[in-house]
Amino acid sequence: NETDHIKKMNAFETYIAIIKGYVGPILLFCTKAFANGGYVWSPCVMLLSGAFTTICALKLVKLGNKLNCYSYGGIVRTILGK
């Protein structure tokens, strides 16, 4: 299996990867989004987006554990093939 040689990240490495992926875009786009969307609507949309993101991430983790495959690319290859 191609995914056997991939090292799993520890908790700290996972935390840093998530923070790195979200902090950059948030810093760039939040100020403009609040200016365009308003101070009431924008937080509501952000909470909804956060809920959807969390649900999707939890489903990916559950699927990865079920398939014994711990990378997104590996999950996609396992499900869809090459």
Protein backbone atom coordinates (compact mmCIF):
# COMPACT_ATOMS: atom_id res chain seq x y z
CA ASN A 1 0.00 0.00 0.00
CA GLU A 2 1.34 3.45 -0.92
CA THR A 3 0.17 5.05 2.33
CA ASP A 4 2.06 2.69 4.66
CA HIS A 5 5.23 4.80 4.58
CA ILE A 6 3.47 8.06 5.54
CA LYS A 7 4.27 9.13 9.10
CA LYS A 8 1.28 10.15 11.20
CA MET A 9 1.41 13.63 12.71
CA ASN A 10 1.39 13.97 16.46
CA ALA A 11 -1.14 16.24 18.21
CA PHE A 12 1.10 19.33 18.15
CA GLU A 13 1.95 18.96 14.45
CA THR A 14 -1.75 18.55 13.65
CA TYR A 15 -2.59 21.67 15.65
CA ILE A 16 0.06 23.73 13.84
CA ALA A 17 -1.12 22.48 10.42
CA ILE A 18 -4.72 23.46 11.17
CA ILE A 19 -3.76 26.88 12.54
CA LYS A 20 -1.47 27.56 9.57
CA GLY A 21 -4.23 26.65 7.13
CA TYR A 22 -6.86 28.88 8.70
CA VAL A 23 -5.08 31.90 10.18
CA GLY A 24 -3.65 33.25 6.91
CA PRO A 25 -6.92 33.39 4.97
CA ILE A 26 -8.83 34.65 8.01
CA LEU A 27 -6.45 37.56 8.45
CA LEU A 28 -6.71 38.45 4.78
CA PHE A 29 -10.44 38.09 4.18
CA CYS A 30 -12.22 38.77 7.48
CA THR A 31 -11.84 42.51 7.48
CA LYS A 32 -13.26 42.86 3.97
CA ALA A 33 -16.04 40.36 4.74
CA PHE A 34 -17.13 42.34 7.78
CA ALA A 35 -17.05 45.56 5.80
CA ASN A 36 -19.22 44.06 3.05
CA GLY A 37 -21.50 41.85 5.14
CA GLY A 38 -22.04 43.90 8.25
CA TYR A 39 -21.41 43.26 11.91
CA VAL A 40 -24.52 41.11 12.49
CA TRP A 41 -24.69 38.95 9.37
CA SER A 42 -20.95 38.21 9.07
CA PRO A 43 -20.57 36.47 12.48
CA CYS A 44 -23.66 34.36 11.75
CA VAL A 45 -22.21 33.22 8.42
CA MET A 46 -18.82 32.58 10.04
CA LEU A 47 -20.42 30.36 12.69
CA LEU A 48 -22.33 28.44 10.03
CA SER A 49 -19.18 28.01 7.96
CA GLY A 50 -17.26 26.85 11.03
CA ALA A 51 -19.96 24.29 11.80
CA PHE A 52 -19.84 22.89 8.24
CA THR A 53 -16.04 22.79 8.30
CA THR A 54 -16.06 20.93 11.62
CA ILE A 55 -18.61 18.40 10.38
CA CYS A 56 -16.59 17.75 7.21
CA ALA A 57 -13.33 17.40 9.14
CA LEU A 58 -14.89 14.94 11.59
CA LYS A 59 -16.28 12.89 8.71
CA LEU A 60 -12.83 12.78 7.06
CA VAL A 61 -11.22 11.66 10.32
CA LYS A 62 -13.86 8.97 10.81
CA LEU A 63 -13.38 7.73 7.24
CA GLY A 64 -9.60 7.77 7.61
CA ASN A 65 -9.83 5.65 10.75
CA LYS A 66 -12.24 3.24 9.06
CA LEU A 67 -9.97 2.85 6.00
CA ASN A 68 -6.79 2.87 8.10
CA CYS A 69 -5.53 5.68 5.85
CA TYR A 70 -4.34 8.89 7.47
CA SER A 71 -3.79 11.35 4.63
CA TYR A 72 -6.32 13.12 2.45
CA GLY A 73 -4.57 11.99 -0.72
CA GLY A 74 -4.55 8.42 0.51
CA ILE A 75 -8.26 8.54 1.30
CA VAL A 76 -9.05 9.91 -2.16
CA ARG A 77 -6.85 7.26 -3.85
CA THR A 78 -8.51 4.51 -1.81
CA ILE A 79 -12.04 5.69 -2.63
CA LEU A 80 -11.63 6.81 -6.25
CA GLY A 81 -8.55 4.89 -7.42
CA LYS A 82 -5.69 6.32 -9.45
